[in-house]
Amino acid sequence: MVSSVVNFGDPLPQKDLDDSFSHSSRCDLFLVVGSSLVVSPANDMPKVALRFGACLVIINQGETAMDSRCHLRFEEKIGEVLPPAVDKLKELMKN
């Protein structure tokens, strides 16, 4: 049995990493949820998304290096922001 967990300091599977950057370059909206954006390579993905025209939304308690570049920033707890946001999206998608 092979674990799908990547421990801190271990390399990420290259295909997964390539796919992540590919999706980042093609998205319209990039959400950062509960991340300080300190650890590479994950902290590069929002930069790629912005470079290709995506809107960046950050939900995190605590500052990130991308706060000045995001379009919308929530300092609240994830559980206070995501459920009502998802409910609103569901409502909008019905119309």
PDB file of N, CA and C in Angstrom:
ATOM      1  N   MET A   1       0.841  -1.164   0.000  1.00  0.00           N
ATOM      2  CA  MET A   1       0.000   0.000   0.000  1.00  0.00           C
ATOM      3  C   MET A   1       0.895   1.238   0.000  1.00  0.00           C
ATOM      4  N   VAL A   2       0.558   2.200  -0.846  1.00  0.00           N
ATOM      5  CA  VAL A   2       1.317   3.435  -0.939  1.00  0.00           C
ATOM      6  C   VAL A   2       0.484   4.564  -0.355  1.00  0.00           C
ATOM      7  N   SER A   3       1.075   5.323   0.535  1.00  0.00           N
ATOM      8  CA  SER A   3       0.383   6.445   1.158  1.00  0.00           C
ATOM      9  C   SER A   3       0.262   7.602   0.172  1.00  0.00           C
ATOM     10  N   SER A   4      -0.860   8.310   0.238  1.00  0.00           N
ATOM     11  CA  SER A   4      -1.025   9.491  -0.606  1.00  0.00           C
ATOM     12  C   SER A   4      -0.669  10.758   0.162  1.00  0.00           C
ATOM     13  N   VAL A   5      -0.153  10.593   1.359  1.00  0.00           N
ATOM     14  CA  VAL A   5       0.254  11.723   2.181  1.00  0.00           C
ATOM     15  C   VAL A   5       1.656  12.154   1.776  1.00  0.00           C
ATOM     16  N   VAL A   6       1.852  13.457   1.657  1.00  0.00           N
ATOM     17  CA  VAL A   6       3.187  13.999   1.406  1.00  0.00           C
ATOM     18  C   VAL A   6       3.624  14.690   2.689  1.00  0.00           C
ATOM     19  N   ASN A   7       4.660  14.183   3.296  1.00  0.00           N
ATOM     20  CA  ASN A   7       5.162  14.771   4.530  1.00  0.00           C
ATOM     21  C   ASN A   7       5.951  16.036   4.232  1.00  0.00           C
ATOM     22  N   PHE A   8       5.994  16.926   5.221  1.00  0.00           N
ATOM     23  CA  PHE A   8       6.728  18.177   5.057  1.00  0.00           C
ATOM     24  C   PHE A   8       8.172  17.878   4.676  1.00  0.00           C
ATOM     25  N   GLY A   9       8.637  18.531   3.628  1.00  0.00           N
ATOM     26  CA  GLY A   9       9.998  18.325   3.155  1.00  0.00           C
ATOM     27  C   GLY A   9      10.114  17.294   2.055  1.00  0.00           C
ATOM     28  N   ASP A  10       9.089  16.444   1.904  1.00  0.00           N
ATOM     29  CA  ASP A  10       9.096  15.456   0.822  1.00  0.00           C
ATOM     30  C   ASP A  10       8.677  16.123  -0.486  1.00  0.00           C
ATOM     31  N   PRO A  11       9.195  15.648  -1.614  1.00  0.00           N
ATOM     32  CA  PRO A  11       8.790  16.230  -2.901  1.00  0.00           C
ATOM     33  C   PRO A  11       7.353  15.843  -3.244  1.00  0.00           C
ATOM     34  N   LEU A  12       6.658  16.753  -3.889  1.00  0.00           N
ATOM     35  CA  LEU A  12       5.310  16.468  -4.372  1.00  0.00           C
ATOM     36  C   LEU A  12       5.403  15.666  -5.656  1.00  0.00           C
ATOM     37  N   PRO A  13       4.414  14.821  -5.932  1.00  0.00           N
ATOM     38  CA  PRO A  13       4.407  14.110  -7.216  1.00  0.00           C
ATOM     39  C   PRO A  13       4.392  15.122  -8.370  1.00  0.00           C
ATOM     40  N   GLN A  14       5.301  14.977  -9.313  1.00  0.00           N
ATOM     41  CA  GLN A  14       5.481  15.968 -10.372  1.00  0.00           C
ATOM     42  C   GLN A  14       4.215  16.201 -11.197  1.00  0.00           C
ATOM     43  N   LYS A  15       3.490  15.126 -11.515  1.00  0.00           N
ATOM     44  CA  LYS A  15       2.271  15.288 -12.313  1.00  0.00           C
ATOM     45  C   LYS A  15       1.239  16.125 -11.561  1.00  0.00           C
ATOM     46  N   ASP A  16       1.081  15.865 -10.271  1.00  0.00           N
ATOM     47  CA  ASP A  16       0.138  16.639  -9.464  1.00  0.00           C
ATOM     48  C   ASP A  16       0.547  18.107  -9.413  1.00  0.00           C
ATOM     49  N   LEU A  17       1.824  18.344  -9.275  1.00  0.00           N
ATOM     50  CA  LEU A  17       2.336  19.709  -9.242  1.00  0.00           C
ATOM     51  C   LEU A  17       2.104  20.411 -10.579  1.00  0.00           C
ATOM     52  N   ASP A  18       2.414  19.727 -11.675  1.00  0.00           N
ATOM     53  CA  ASP A  18       2.185  20.294 -13.010  1.00  0.00           C
ATOM     54  C   ASP A  18       0.712  20.593 -13.232  1.00  0.00           C
ATOM     55  N   ASP A  19      -0.151  19.658 -12.834  1.00  0.00           N
ATOM     56  CA  ASP A  19      -1.598  19.865 -12.982  1.00  0.00           C
ATOM     57  C   ASP A  19      -2.063  21.076 -12.174  1.00  0.00           C
ATOM     58  N   SER A  20      -1.539  21.233 -10.976  1.00  0.00           N
ATOM     59  CA  SER A  20      -1.929  22.352 -10.117  1.00  0.00           C
ATOM     60  C   SER A  20      -1.572  23.689 -10.748  1.00  0.00           C
ATOM     61  N   PHE A  21      -0.385  23.785 -11.305  1.00  0.00           N
ATOM     62  CA  PHE A  21       0.012  25.032 -11.956  1.00  0.00           C
ATOM     63  C   PHE A  21      -0.779  25.267 -13.238  1.00  0.00           C
ATOM     64  N   SER A  22      -1.093  24.195 -13.951  1.00  0.00           N
ATOM     65  CA  SER A  22      -1.905  24.317 -15.159  1.00  0.00           C
ATOM     66  C   SER A  22      -3.296  24.852 -14.820  1.00  0.00           C
ATOM     67  N   HIS A  23      -3.910  24.289 -13.793  1.00  0.00           N
ATOM     68  CA  HIS A  23      -5.231  24.769 -13.365  1.00  0.00           C
ATOM     69  C   HIS A  23      -5.144  26.212 -12.874  1.00  0.00           C
ATOM     70  N   SER A  24      -4.078  26.551 -12.178  1.00  0.00           N
ATOM     71  CA  SER A  24      -3.902  27.918 -11.686  1.00  0.00           C
ATOM     72  C   SER A  24      -3.839  28.919 -12.829  1.00  0.00           C
ATOM     73  N   SER A  25      -3.256  28.516 -13.931  1.00  0.00           N
ATOM     74  CA  SER A  25      -3.120  29.435 -15.069  1.00  0.00           C
ATOM     75  C   SER A  25      -4.409  29.564 -15.877  1.00  0.00           C
ATOM     76  N   ARG A  26      -5.391  28.686 -15.624  1.00  0.00           N
ATOM     77  CA  ARG A  26      -6.629  28.704 -16.412  1.00  0.00           C
ATOM     78  C   ARG A  26      -7.868  29.074 -15.597  1.00  0.00           C
ATOM     79  N   CYS A  27      -7.716  29.316 -14.316  1.00  0.00           N
ATOM     80  CA  CYS A  27      -8.892  29.576 -13.484  1.00  0.00           C
ATOM     81  C   CYS A  27      -9.337  31.034 -13.586  1.00  0.00           C
ATOM     82  N   ASP A  28     -10.610  31.254 -13.290  1.00  0.00           N
ATOM     83  CA  ASP A  28     -11.154  32.612 -13.213  1.00  0.00           C
ATOM     84  C   ASP A  28     -11.092  33.147 -11.788  1.00  0.00           C
ATOM     85  N   LEU A  29     -11.161  32.232 -10.838  1.00  0.00           N
ATOM     86  CA  LEU A  29     -11.165  32.580  -9.425  1.00  0.00           C
ATOM     87  C   LEU A  29     -10.233  31.627  -8.687  1.00  0.00           C
ATOM     88  N   PHE A  30      -9.338  32.180  -7.893  1.00  0.00           N
ATOM     89  CA  PHE A  30      -8.417  31.369  -7.096  1.00  0.00           C
ATOM     90  C   PHE A  30      -8.705  31.664  -5.635  1.00  0.00           C
ATOM     91  N   LEU A  31      -9.049  30.624  -4.871  1.00  0.00           N
ATOM     92  CA  LEU A  31      -9.325  30.766  -3.448  1.00  0.00           C
ATOM     93  C   LEU A  31      -8.148  30.262  -2.630  1.00  0.00           C
ATOM     94  N   VAL A  32      -7.686  31.081  -1.715  1.00  0.00           N
ATOM     95  CA  VAL A  32      -6.700  30.657  -0.722  1.00  0.00           C
ATOM     96  C   VAL A  32      -7.477  30.500   0.573  1.00  0.00           C
ATOM     97  N   VAL A  33      -7.520  29.283   1.099  1.00  0.00           N
ATOM     98  CA  VAL A  33      -8.335  28.998   2.278  1.00  0.00           C
ATOM     99  C   VAL A  33      -7.447  28.432   3.379  1.00  0.00           C
ATOM    100  N   GLY A  34      -7.256  29.221   4.431  1.00  0.00           N
ATOM    101  CA  GLY A  34      -6.504  28.749   5.584  1.00  0.00           C
ATOM    102  C   GLY A  34      -5.039  28.493   5.311  1.00  0.00           C
ATOM    103  N   SER A  35      -4.398  29.402   4.596  1.00  0.00           N
ATOM    104  CA  SER A  35      -2.970  29.245   4.303  1.00  0.00           C
ATOM    105  C   SER A  35      -2.255  30.573   4.496  1.00  0.00           C
ATOM    106  N   SER A  36      -1.092  30.506   5.094  1.00  0.00           N
ATOM    107  CA  SER A  36      -0.264  31.699   5.253  1.00  0.00           C
ATOM    108  C   SER A  36       0.514  32.008   3.977  1.00  0.00           C
ATOM    109  N   LEU A  37       0.471  31.091   3.022  1.00  0.00           N
ATOM    110  CA  LEU A  37       1.199  31.226   1.752  1.00  0.00           C
ATOM    111  C   LEU A  37       2.702  31.387   1.966  1.00  0.00           C
ATOM    112  N   VAL A  38       3.225  30.645   2.922  1.00  0.00           N
ATOM    113  CA  VAL A  38       4.655  30.692   3.213  1.00  0.00           C
ATOM    114  C   VAL A  38       5.393  29.560   2.516  1.00  0.00           C
ATOM    115  N   VAL A  39       4.748  28.405   2.390  1.00  0.00           N
ATOM    116  CA  VAL A  39       5.421  27.207   1.892  1.00  0.00           C
ATOM    117  C   VAL A  39       5.338  27.117   0.372  1.00  0.00           C
ATOM    118  N   SER A  40       6.488  26.890  -0.233  1.00  0.00           N
ATOM    119  CA  SER A  40       6.583  26.700  -1.679  1.00  0.00           C
ATOM    120  C   SER A  40       6.366  25.224  -1.989  1.00  0.00           C
ATOM    121  N   PRO A  41       5.783  24.869  -3.072  1.00  0.00           N
ATOM    122  CA  PRO A  41       5.389  25.662  -4.233  1.00  0.00           C
ATOM    123  C   PRO A  41       3.962  26.195  -4.176  1.00  0.00           C
ATOM    124  N   ALA A  42       3.211  25.851  -3.115  1.00  0.00           N
ATOM    125  CA  ALA A  42       1.815  26.297  -3.047  1.00  0.00           C
ATOM    126  C   ALA A  42       1.696  27.817  -3.060  1.00  0.00           C
ATOM    127  N   ASN A  43       2.675  28.509  -2.504  1.00  0.00           N
ATOM    128  CA  ASN A  43       2.589  29.968  -2.468  1.00  0.00           C
ATOM    129  C   ASN A  43       2.812  30.614  -3.836  1.00  0.00           C
ATOM    130  N   ASP A  44       3.259  29.854  -4.818  1.00  0.00           N
ATOM    131  CA  ASP A  44       3.434  30.394  -6.170  1.00  0.00           C
ATOM    132  C   ASP A  44       2.162  30.292  -7.006  1.00  0.00           C
ATOM    133  N   MET A  45       1.256  29.415  -6.633  1.00  0.00           N
ATOM    134  CA  MET A  45       0.059  29.186  -7.450  1.00  0.00           C
ATOM    135  C   MET A  45      -0.856  30.404  -7.545  1.00  0.00           C
ATOM    136  N   PRO A  46      -1.106  31.145  -6.444  1.00  0.00           N
ATOM    137  CA  PRO A  46      -1.924  32.348  -6.592  1.00  0.00           C
ATOM    138  C   PRO A  46      -1.262  33.402  -7.489  1.00  0.00           C
ATOM    139  N   LYS A  47       0.054  33.453  -7.475  1.00  0.00           N
ATOM    140  CA  LYS A  47       0.772  34.398  -8.346  1.00  0.00           C
ATOM    141  C   LYS A  47       0.541  34.052  -9.810  1.00  0.00           C
ATOM    142  N   VAL A  48       0.573  32.764 -10.115  1.00  0.00           N
ATOM    143  CA  VAL A  48       0.315  32.304 -11.484  1.00  0.00           C
ATOM    144  C   VAL A  48      -1.108  32.669 -11.879  1.00  0.00           C
ATOM    145  N   ALA A  49      -2.059  32.395 -10.992  1.00  0.00           N
ATOM    146  CA  ALA A  49      -3.462  32.706 -11.282  1.00  0.00           C
ATOM    147  C   ALA A  49      -3.638  34.193 -11.572  1.00  0.00           C
ATOM    148  N   LEU A  50      -3.041  35.048 -10.762  1.00  0.00           N
ATOM    149  CA  LEU A  50      -3.138  36.493 -10.986  1.00  0.00           C
ATOM    150  C   LEU A  50      -2.505  36.898 -12.311  1.00  0.00           C
ATOM    151  N   ARG A  51      -1.365  36.322 -12.620  1.00  0.00           N
ATOM    152  CA  ARG A  51      -0.671  36.647 -13.866  1.00  0.00           C
ATOM    153  C   ARG A  51      -1.547  36.358 -15.081  1.00  0.00           C
ATOM    154  N   PHE A  52      -2.404  35.339 -14.964  1.00  0.00           N
ATOM    155  CA  PHE A  52      -3.270  34.960 -16.075  1.00  0.00           C
ATOM    156  C   PHE A  52      -4.681  35.535 -15.948  1.00  0.00           C
ATOM    157  N   GLY A  53      -4.870  36.502 -15.036  1.00  0.00           N
ATOM    158  CA  GLY A  53      -6.122  37.246 -14.986  1.00  0.00           C
ATOM    159  C   GLY A  53      -7.177  36.782 -14.006  1.00  0.00           C
ATOM    160  N   ALA A  54      -6.865  35.849 -13.134  1.00  0.00           N
ATOM    161  CA  ALA A  54      -7.856  35.375 -12.163  1.00  0.00           C
ATOM    162  C   ALA A  54      -8.062  36.398 -11.051  1.00  0.00           C
ATOM    163  N   CYS A  55      -9.214  36.320 -10.417  1.00  0.00           N
ATOM    164  CA  CYS A  55      -9.463  37.065  -9.189  1.00  0.00           C
ATOM    165  C   CYS A  55      -8.956  36.210  -8.029  1.00  0.00           C
ATOM    166  N   LEU A  56      -8.370  36.860  -7.050  1.00  0.00           N
ATOM    167  CA  LEU A  56      -7.809  36.160  -5.899  1.00  0.00           C
ATOM    168  C   LEU A  56      -8.585  36.520  -4.644  1.00  0.00           C
ATOM    169  N   VAL A  57      -9.091  35.496  -3.947  1.00  0.00           N
ATOM    170  CA  VAL A  57      -9.795  35.670  -2.681  1.00  0.00           C
ATOM    171  C   VAL A  57      -9.027  34.898  -1.613  1.00  0.00           C
ATOM    172  N   ILE A  58      -8.746  35.565  -0.502  1.00  0.00           N
ATOM    173  CA  ILE A  58      -8.011  34.937   0.598  1.00  0.00           C
ATOM    174  C   ILE A  58      -8.901  34.889   1.834  1.00  0.00           C
ATOM    175  N   ILE A  59      -9.023  33.690   2.406  1.00  0.00           N
ATOM    176  CA  ILE A  59      -9.714  33.495   3.682  1.00  0.00           C
ATOM    177  C   ILE A  59      -8.667  32.933   4.632  1.00  0.00           C
ATOM    178  N   ASN A  60      -8.212  33.751   5.558  1.00  0.00           N
ATOM    179  CA  ASN A  60      -7.146  33.308   6.461  1.00  0.00           C
ATOM    180  C   ASN A  60      -7.098  34.208   7.683  1.00  0.00           C
ATOM    181  N   GLN A  61      -6.930  33.618   8.838  1.00  0.00           N
ATOM    182  CA  GLN A  61      -6.717  34.404  10.041  1.00  0.00           C
ATOM    183  C   GLN A  61      -5.221  34.656  10.160  1.00  0.00           C
ATOM    184  N   GLY A  62      -4.827  35.844   9.864  1.00  0.00           N
ATOM    185  CA  GLY A  62      -3.417  36.197   9.843  1.00  0.00           C
ATOM    186  C   GLY A  62      -3.029  36.672   8.457  1.00  0.00           C
ATOM    187  N   GLU A  63      -2.016  37.488   8.422  1.00  0.00           N
ATOM    188  CA  GLU A  63      -1.576  38.094   7.167  1.00  0.00           C
ATOM    189  C   GLU A  63      -0.905  37.077   6.253  1.00  0.00           C
ATOM    190  N   THR A  64      -0.947  37.385   4.951  1.00  0.00           N
ATOM    191  CA  THR A  64      -0.190  36.625   3.957  1.00  0.00           C
ATOM    192  C   THR A  64       0.572  37.626   3.098  1.00  0.00           C
ATOM    193  N   ALA A  65       1.555  37.141   2.394  1.00  0.00           N
ATOM    194  CA  ALA A  65       2.339  38.002   1.509  1.00  0.00           C
ATOM    195  C   ALA A  65       1.525  38.465   0.306  1.00  0.00           C
ATOM    196  N   MET A  66       0.366  37.837   0.059  1.00  0.00           N
ATOM    197  CA  MET A  66      -0.458  38.176  -1.104  1.00  0.00           C
ATOM    198  C   MET A  66      -1.631  39.090  -0.750  1.00  0.00           C
ATOM    199  N   ASP A  67      -1.744  39.512   0.494  1.00  0.00           N
ATOM    200  CA  ASP A  67      -2.888  40.332   0.913  1.00  0.00           C
ATOM    201  C   ASP A  67      -3.044  41.597   0.075  1.00  0.00           C
ATOM    202  N   SER A  68      -1.957  42.232  -0.258  1.00  0.00           N
ATOM    203  CA  SER A  68      -2.039  43.491  -1.017  1.00  0.00           C
ATOM    204  C   SER A  68      -2.425  43.266  -2.473  1.00  0.00           C
ATOM    205  N   ARG A  69      -2.357  42.030  -2.937  1.00  0.00           N
ATOM    206  CA  ARG A  69      -2.667  41.738  -4.343  1.00  0.00           C
ATOM    207  C   ARG A  69      -4.016  41.050  -4.528  1.00  0.00           C
ATOM    208  N   CYS A  70      -4.670  40.691  -3.421  1.00  0.00           N
ATOM    209  CA  CYS A  70      -5.936  39.967  -3.560  1.00  0.00           C
ATOM    210  C   CYS A  70      -7.085  40.937  -3.831  1.00  0.00           C
ATOM    211  N   HIS A  71      -8.138  40.407  -4.414  1.00  0.00           N
ATOM    212  CA  HIS A  71      -9.320  41.197  -4.734  1.00  0.00           C
ATOM    213  C   HIS A  71     -10.287  41.273  -3.556  1.00  0.00           C
ATOM    214  N   LEU A  72     -10.255  40.246  -2.717  1.00  0.00           N
ATOM    215  CA  LEU A  72     -11.143  40.182  -1.564  1.00  0.00           C
ATOM    216  C   LEU A  72     -10.431  39.403  -0.468  1.00  0.00           C
ATOM    217  N   ARG A  73     -10.537  39.908   0.768  1.00  0.00           N
ATOM    218  CA  ARG A  73      -9.802  39.310   1.893  1.00  0.00           C
ATOM    219  C   ARG A  73     -10.737  39.143   3.073  1.00  0.00           C
ATOM    220  N   PHE A  74     -10.771  37.940   3.648  1.00  0.00           N
ATOM    221  CA  PHE A  74     -11.555  37.663   4.844  1.00  0.00           C
ATOM    222  C   PHE A  74     -10.603  37.274   5.960  1.00  0.00           C
ATOM    223  N   GLU A  75     -10.698  37.952   7.082  1.00  0.00           N
ATOM    224  CA  GLU A  75      -9.871  37.656   8.254  1.00  0.00           C
ATOM    225  C   GLU A  75     -10.599  36.695   9.202  1.00  0.00           C
ATOM    226  N   GLU A  76     -11.842  36.357   8.891  1.00  0.00           N
ATOM    227  CA  GLU A  76     -12.664  35.509   9.745  1.00  0.00           C
ATOM    228  C   GLU A  76     -12.246  34.041   9.664  1.00  0.00           C
ATOM    229  N   LYS A  77     -12.865  33.243  10.530  1.00  0.00           N
ATOM    230  CA  LYS A  77     -12.650  31.795  10.502  1.00  0.00           C
ATOM    231  C   LYS A  77     -13.265  31.221   9.232  1.00  0.00           C
ATOM    232  N   ILE A  78     -12.641  30.181   8.701  1.00  0.00           N
ATOM    233  CA  ILE A  78     -13.113  29.535   7.471  1.00  0.00           C
ATOM    234  C   ILE A  78     -14.570  29.113   7.613  1.00  0.00           C
ATOM    235  N   GLY A  79     -14.916  28.519   8.749  1.00  0.00           N
ATOM    236  CA  GLY A  79     -16.273  28.035   8.978  1.00  0.00           C
ATOM    237  C   GLY A  79     -17.314  29.128   9.041  1.00  0.00           C
ATOM    238  N   GLU A  80     -16.879  30.370   9.242  1.00  0.00           N
ATOM    239  CA  GLU A  80     -17.810  31.499   9.254  1.00  0.00           C
ATOM    240  C   GLU A  80     -17.994  32.091   7.861  1.00  0.00           C
ATOM    241  N   VAL A  81     -17.051  31.853   6.977  1.00  0.00           N
ATOM    242  CA  VAL A  81     -17.090  32.454   5.641  1.00  0.00           C
ATOM    243  C   VAL A  81     -17.611  31.482   4.587  1.00  0.00           C
ATOM    244  N   LEU A  82     -17.070  30.277   4.552  1.00  0.00           N
ATOM    245  CA  LEU A  82     -17.400  29.357   3.459  1.00  0.00           C
ATOM    246  C   LEU A  82     -18.857  28.894   3.415  1.00  0.00           C
ATOM    247  N   PRO A  83     -19.467  28.458   4.521  1.00  0.00           N
ATOM    248  CA  PRO A  83     -20.853  27.987   4.403  1.00  0.00           C
ATOM    249  C   PRO A  83     -21.819  29.026   3.814  1.00  0.00           C
ATOM    250  N   PRO A  84     -21.828  30.283   4.294  1.00  0.00           N
ATOM    251  CA  PRO A  84     -22.738  31.244   3.664  1.00  0.00           C
ATOM    252  C   PRO A  84     -22.341  31.579   2.223  1.00  0.00           C
ATOM    253  N   ALA A  85     -21.052  31.545   1.932  1.00  0.00           N
ATOM    254  CA  ALA A  85     -20.609  31.809   0.552  1.00  0.00           C
ATOM    255  C   ALA A  85     -21.087  30.709  -0.386  1.00  0.00           C
ATOM    256  N   VAL A  86     -20.977  29.462   0.052  1.00  0.00           N
ATOM    257  CA  VAL A  86     -21.441  28.336  -0.768  1.00  0.00           C
ATOM    258  C   VAL A  86     -22.952  28.402  -0.945  1.00  0.00           C
ATOM    259  N   ASP A  87     -23.678  28.734   0.118  1.00  0.00           N
ATOM    260  CA  ASP A  87     -25.134  28.871   0.015  1.00  0.00           C
ATOM    261  C   ASP A  87     -25.509  29.940  -1.007  1.00  0.00           C
ATOM    262  N   LYS A  88     -24.815  31.059  -0.983  1.00  0.00           N
ATOM    263  CA  LYS A  88     -25.098  32.145  -1.931  1.00  0.00           C
ATOM    264  C   LYS A  88     -24.779  31.709  -3.358  1.00  0.00           C
ATOM    265  N   LEU A  89     -23.673  31.010  -3.546  1.00  0.00           N
ATOM    266  CA  LEU A  89     -23.328  30.510  -4.883  1.00  0.00           C
ATOM    267  C   LEU A  89     -24.384  29.544  -5.405  1.00  0.00           C
ATOM    268  N   LYS A  90     -24.860  28.660  -4.542  1.00  0.00           N
ATOM    269  CA  LYS A  90     -25.912  27.724  -4.949  1.00  0.00           C
ATOM    270  C   LYS A  90     -27.158  28.483  -5.384  1.00  0.00           C
ATOM    271  N   GLU A  91     -27.501  29.511  -4.630  1.00  0.00           N
ATOM    272  CA  GLU A  91     -28.664  30.336  -4.955  1.00  0.00           C
ATOM    273  C   GLU A  91     -28.481  31.027  -6.305  1.00  0.00           C
ATOM    274  N   LEU A  92     -27.320  31.595  -6.529  1.00  0.00           N
ATOM    275  CA  LEU A  92     -27.042  32.292  -7.789  1.00  0.00           C
ATOM    276  C   LEU A  92     -27.033  31.337  -8.977  1.00  0.00           C
ATOM    277  N   MET A  93     -26.573  30.121  -8.760  1.00  0.00           N
ATOM    278  CA  MET A  93     -26.487  29.154  -9.854  1.00  0.00           C
ATOM    279  C   MET A  93     -27.857  28.620 -10.262  1.00  0.00           C
ATOM    280  N   LYS A  94     -28.843  28.721  -9.378  1.00  0.00           N
ATOM    281  CA  LYS A  94     -30.200  28.295  -9.710  1.00  0.00           C
ATOM    282  C   LYS A  94     -30.852  29.261 -10.698  1.00  0.00           C
ATOM    283  N   ASN A  95     -30.454  30.509 -10.641  1.00  0.00           N
ATOM    284  CA  ASN A  95     -31.082  31.546 -11.487  1.00  0.00           C
ATOM    285  C   ASN A  95     -30.486  31.610 -12.850  1.00  0.00           C
TER     286      ASN A  95
END
